[in-house]
Each structure stands twice: as C-alpha cells, then as structure tokens.
C-alpha cells in the first residue's frame, strides 16, 4: 500500500528551501537594482578595428559587463556577447576608460559596435 503523506525528510527539505527563497528574495532584488544604475563615463577610448575583422569583413556588437571600482577604474570584465574576433579589442579599450567616482563598486553593461 502506498503512503499518502511525504517522508518527513522531504517535507523538511521543502520547507527549508521555501523559507530560504522568501528570506533572500529582497536581497536579490536590491542587488539587481544596484547593477542597473549607470555611472557617468568621464573618458572613453575607442577600440581599434582589428585587422583580421577588417579582412574578413566582420561587423557586430560586443557586450561586456564591467565591474567598476569606486575610484572609477575598470576592475573586472565579463564578455556576454559578441564575435570573438572583436572581443579583445573591446575589452582592451574598456580597461582604458574612466568613470566618475562613486561610494561603491558598480556593474555596468557596455555595448560596443564594430563597423568597418
């Protein structure tokens, strides 16, 4: 005969998971709001168009998430889209950019378009 009630361990695990989701949900929401805030860019360096891309007639957009230090320097980059032939030029240029100072690190989404 089959039991109608779940095992005690399964029920306890489900309750712990549910409580964790509800307790942490406001923290995740505030983290997303901070990442959407855009800091003012003080100086930009245009990425050079790579010779290989020019030869192959590659065009497109590179999307990069940048962690910006409070001082305004790029600390870390994560490429989230774009042709690999164009990525290095984009990331190298972004590390030369300068943002306005802020009280804490921020995440910025940068899109660079490459057209010959």
C-alpha atoms as a PDB file:
ATOM      1  CA  UNK A   1       0.000   0.000   0.000  1.00  0.00           C
ATOM      2  CA  UNK A   2       1.274   3.475  -0.872  1.00  0.00           C
ATOM      3  CA  UNK A   3       1.601   6.246   1.721  1.00  0.00           C
ATOM      4  CA  UNK A   4      -0.386   9.419   1.181  1.00  0.00           C
ATOM      5  CA  UNK A   5       1.968  11.659   3.163  1.00  0.00           C
ATOM      6  CA  UNK A   6       5.506  12.597   2.060  1.00  0.00           C
ATOM      7  CA  UNK A   7       8.518  11.473   4.039  1.00  0.00           C
ATOM      8  CA  UNK A   8       9.467  13.741   6.952  1.00  0.00           C
ATOM      9  CA  UNK A   9      12.900  14.460   5.446  1.00  0.00           C
ATOM     10  CA  UNK A  10      11.407  15.527   2.102  1.00  0.00           C
ATOM     11  CA  UNK A  11       8.919  17.821   3.812  1.00  0.00           C
ATOM     12  CA  UNK A  12      11.634  19.397   5.981  1.00  0.00           C
ATOM     13  CA  UNK A  13      13.869  19.988   2.946  1.00  0.00           C
ATOM     14  CA  UNK A  14      10.994  21.597   1.047  1.00  0.00           C
ATOM     15  CA  UNK A  15      10.149  23.900   3.973  1.00  0.00           C
ATOM     16  CA  UNK A  16      13.797  24.933   4.423  1.00  0.00           C
ATOM     17  CA  UNK A  17      14.102  25.719   0.713  1.00  0.00           C
ATOM     18  CA  UNK A  18      10.865  27.733   0.705  1.00  0.00           C
ATOM     19  CA  UNK A  19      11.875  29.782   3.740  1.00  0.00           C
ATOM     20  CA  UNK A  20      15.296  30.466   2.202  1.00  0.00           C
ATOM     21  CA  UNK A  21      13.750  31.739  -1.021  1.00  0.00           C
ATOM     22  CA  UNK A  22      11.402  34.113   0.789  1.00  0.00           C
ATOM     23  CA  UNK A  23      14.095  35.333   3.204  1.00  0.00           C
ATOM     24  CA  UNK A  24      16.666  36.044   0.458  1.00  0.00           C
ATOM     25  CA  UNK A  25      14.330  37.447  -2.222  1.00  0.00           C
ATOM     26  CA  UNK A  26      14.623  41.094  -1.062  1.00  0.00           C
ATOM     27  CA  UNK A  27      18.442  40.863  -1.124  1.00  0.00           C
ATOM     28  CA  UNK A  28      18.461  39.617  -4.713  1.00  0.00           C
ATOM     29  CA  UNK A  29      16.091  42.391  -5.762  1.00  0.00           C
ATOM     30  CA  UNK A  30      18.275  45.129  -4.253  1.00  0.00           C
ATOM     31  CA  UNK A  31      21.399  43.684  -5.899  1.00  0.00           C
ATOM     32  CA  UNK A  32      19.703  43.858  -9.291  1.00  0.00           C
ATOM     33  CA  UNK A  33      18.695  47.473  -8.754  1.00  0.00           C
ATOM     34  CA  UNK A  34      22.296  48.458  -7.946  1.00  0.00           C
ATOM     35  CA  UNK A  35      23.617  46.800 -11.096  1.00  0.00           C
ATOM     36  CA  UNK A  36      21.165  48.733 -13.275  1.00  0.00           C
ATOM     37  CA  UNK A  37      22.449  52.108 -12.059  1.00  0.00           C
ATOM     38  CA  UNK A  38      24.681  53.625 -14.705  1.00  0.00           C
ATOM     39  CA  UNK A  39      27.703  55.686 -13.749  1.00  0.00           C
ATOM     40  CA  UNK A  40      28.808  58.593 -15.855  1.00  0.00           C
ATOM     41  CA  UNK A  41      31.734  57.818 -18.142  1.00  0.00           C
ATOM     42  CA  UNK A  42      34.389  60.534 -17.815  1.00  0.00           C
ATOM     43  CA  UNK A  43      36.650  59.372 -20.651  1.00  0.00           C
ATOM     44  CA  UNK A  44      36.348  56.712 -23.356  1.00  0.00           C
ATOM     45  CA  UNK A  45      38.906  55.114 -25.624  1.00  0.00           C
ATOM     46  CA  UNK A  46      37.542  53.894 -28.947  1.00  0.00           C
ATOM     47  CA  UNK A  47      38.578  50.323 -29.707  1.00  0.00           C
ATOM     48  CA  UNK A  48      40.658  49.876 -32.850  1.00  0.00           C
ATOM     49  CA  UNK A  49      39.013  47.819 -35.564  1.00  0.00           C
ATOM     50  CA  UNK A  50      41.015  44.542 -35.684  1.00  0.00           C
ATOM     51  CA  UNK A  51      42.842  43.844 -38.970  1.00  0.00           C
ATOM     52  CA  UNK A  52      41.504  40.284 -39.087  1.00  0.00           C
ATOM     53  CA  UNK A  53      37.950  41.558 -38.703  1.00  0.00           C
ATOM     54  CA  UNK A  54      38.512  44.084 -41.481  1.00  0.00           C
ATOM     55  CA  UNK A  55      39.937  41.374 -43.773  1.00  0.00           C
ATOM     56  CA  UNK A  56      37.044  39.021 -43.035  1.00  0.00           C
ATOM     57  CA  UNK A  57      34.506  41.886 -43.156  1.00  0.00           C
ATOM     58  CA  UNK A  58      33.255  41.073 -39.674  1.00  0.00           C
ATOM     59  CA  UNK A  59      30.935  43.566 -38.057  1.00  0.00           C
ATOM     60  CA  UNK A  60      28.855  43.371 -34.943  1.00  0.00           C
ATOM     61  CA  UNK A  61      28.324  44.333 -31.335  1.00  0.00           C
ATOM     62  CA  UNK A  62      30.328  43.233 -28.309  1.00  0.00           C
ATOM     63  CA  UNK A  63      28.532  43.304 -24.936  1.00  0.00           C
ATOM     64  CA  UNK A  64      30.643  43.416 -21.786  1.00  0.00           C
ATOM     65  CA  UNK A  65      29.730  43.626 -18.101  1.00  0.00           C
ATOM     66  CA  UNK A  66      32.304  45.747 -16.280  1.00  0.00           C
ATOM     67  CA  UNK A  67      32.867  45.906 -12.534  1.00  0.00           C
ATOM     68  CA  UNK A  68      33.951  49.489 -11.860  1.00  0.00           C
ATOM     69  CA  UNK A  69      35.927  50.353  -8.720  1.00  0.00           C
ATOM     70  CA  UNK A  70      34.800  53.270  -6.533  1.00  0.00           C
ATOM     71  CA  UNK A  71      37.726  55.274  -7.979  1.00  0.00           C
ATOM     72  CA  UNK A  72      36.296  54.900 -11.497  1.00  0.00           C
ATOM     73  CA  UNK A  73      38.684  52.301 -12.954  1.00  0.00           C
ATOM     74  CA  UNK A  74      37.563  49.055 -14.575  1.00  0.00           C
ATOM     75  CA  UNK A  75      38.329  46.223 -12.179  1.00  0.00           C
ATOM     76  CA  UNK A  76      36.920  43.184 -13.963  1.00  0.00           C
ATOM     77  CA  UNK A  77      35.218  42.423 -17.276  1.00  0.00           C
ATOM     78  CA  UNK A  78      32.927  39.627 -18.407  1.00  0.00           C
ATOM     79  CA  UNK A  79      32.036  39.274 -22.072  1.00  0.00           C
ATOM     80  CA  UNK A  80      28.369  38.396 -22.505  1.00  0.00           C
ATOM     81  CA  UNK A  81      28.108  38.564 -26.286  1.00  0.00           C
ATOM     82  CA  UNK A  82      29.910  39.304 -29.491  1.00  0.00           C
ATOM     83  CA  UNK A  83      32.202  37.889 -32.122  1.00  0.00           C
ATOM     84  CA  UNK A  84      35.436  36.506 -30.590  1.00  0.00           C
ATOM     85  CA  UNK A  85      37.495  38.321 -33.236  1.00  0.00           C
ATOM     86  CA  UNK A  86      36.196  41.651 -31.880  1.00  0.00           C
ATOM     87  CA  UNK A  87      36.219  40.853 -28.144  1.00  0.00           C
ATOM     88  CA  UNK A  88      39.891  41.514 -27.323  1.00  0.00           C
ATOM     89  CA  UNK A  89      39.849  44.984 -28.896  1.00  0.00           C
ATOM     90  CA  UNK A  90      36.667  45.845 -26.987  1.00  0.00           C
ATOM     91  CA  UNK A  91      37.943  44.644 -23.605  1.00  0.00           C
ATOM     92  CA  UNK A  92      41.351  46.313 -24.034  1.00  0.00           C
ATOM     93  CA  UNK A  93      39.646  49.620 -24.789  1.00  0.00           C
ATOM     94  CA  UNK A  94      37.242  49.342 -21.831  1.00  0.00           C
ATOM     95  CA  UNK A  95      40.145  48.888 -19.394  1.00  0.00           C
ATOM     96  CA  UNK A  96      41.355  52.337 -20.511  1.00  0.00           C
ATOM     97  CA  UNK A  97      38.006  54.013 -19.754  1.00  0.00           C
ATOM     98  CA  UNK A  98      37.417  56.161 -16.674  1.00  0.00           C
ATOM     99  CA  UNK A  99      34.110  56.516 -14.785  1.00  0.00           C
ATOM    100  CA  UNK A 100      33.020  59.154 -12.281  1.00  0.00           C
ATOM    101  CA  UNK A 101      33.950  58.314  -8.665  1.00  0.00           C
ATOM    102  CA  UNK A 102      31.291  56.612  -6.526  1.00  0.00           C
ATOM    103  CA  UNK A 103      30.908  55.329  -2.976  1.00  0.00           C
ATOM    104  CA  UNK A 104      30.976  51.650  -4.027  1.00  0.00           C
ATOM    105  CA  UNK A 105      31.712  49.283  -6.899  1.00  0.00           C
ATOM    106  CA  UNK A 106      29.134  49.135  -9.653  1.00  0.00           C
ATOM    107  CA  UNK A 107      28.405  46.847 -12.588  1.00  0.00           C
ATOM    108  CA  UNK A 108      27.961  48.462 -15.957  1.00  0.00           C
ATOM    109  CA  UNK A 109      26.785  46.910 -19.215  1.00  0.00           C
ATOM    110  CA  UNK A 110      28.774  48.264 -22.147  1.00  0.00           C
ATOM    111  CA  UNK A 111      27.917  47.703 -25.817  1.00  0.00           C
ATOM    112  CA  UNK A 112      30.497  48.488 -28.489  1.00  0.00           C
ATOM    113  CA  UNK A 113      29.559  48.405 -32.165  1.00  0.00           C
ATOM    114  CA  UNK A 114      32.174  47.465 -34.744  1.00  0.00           C
ATOM    115  CA  UNK A 115      31.560  48.546 -38.324  1.00  0.00           C
ATOM    116  CA  UNK A 116      34.300  48.918 -40.980  1.00  0.00           C
END
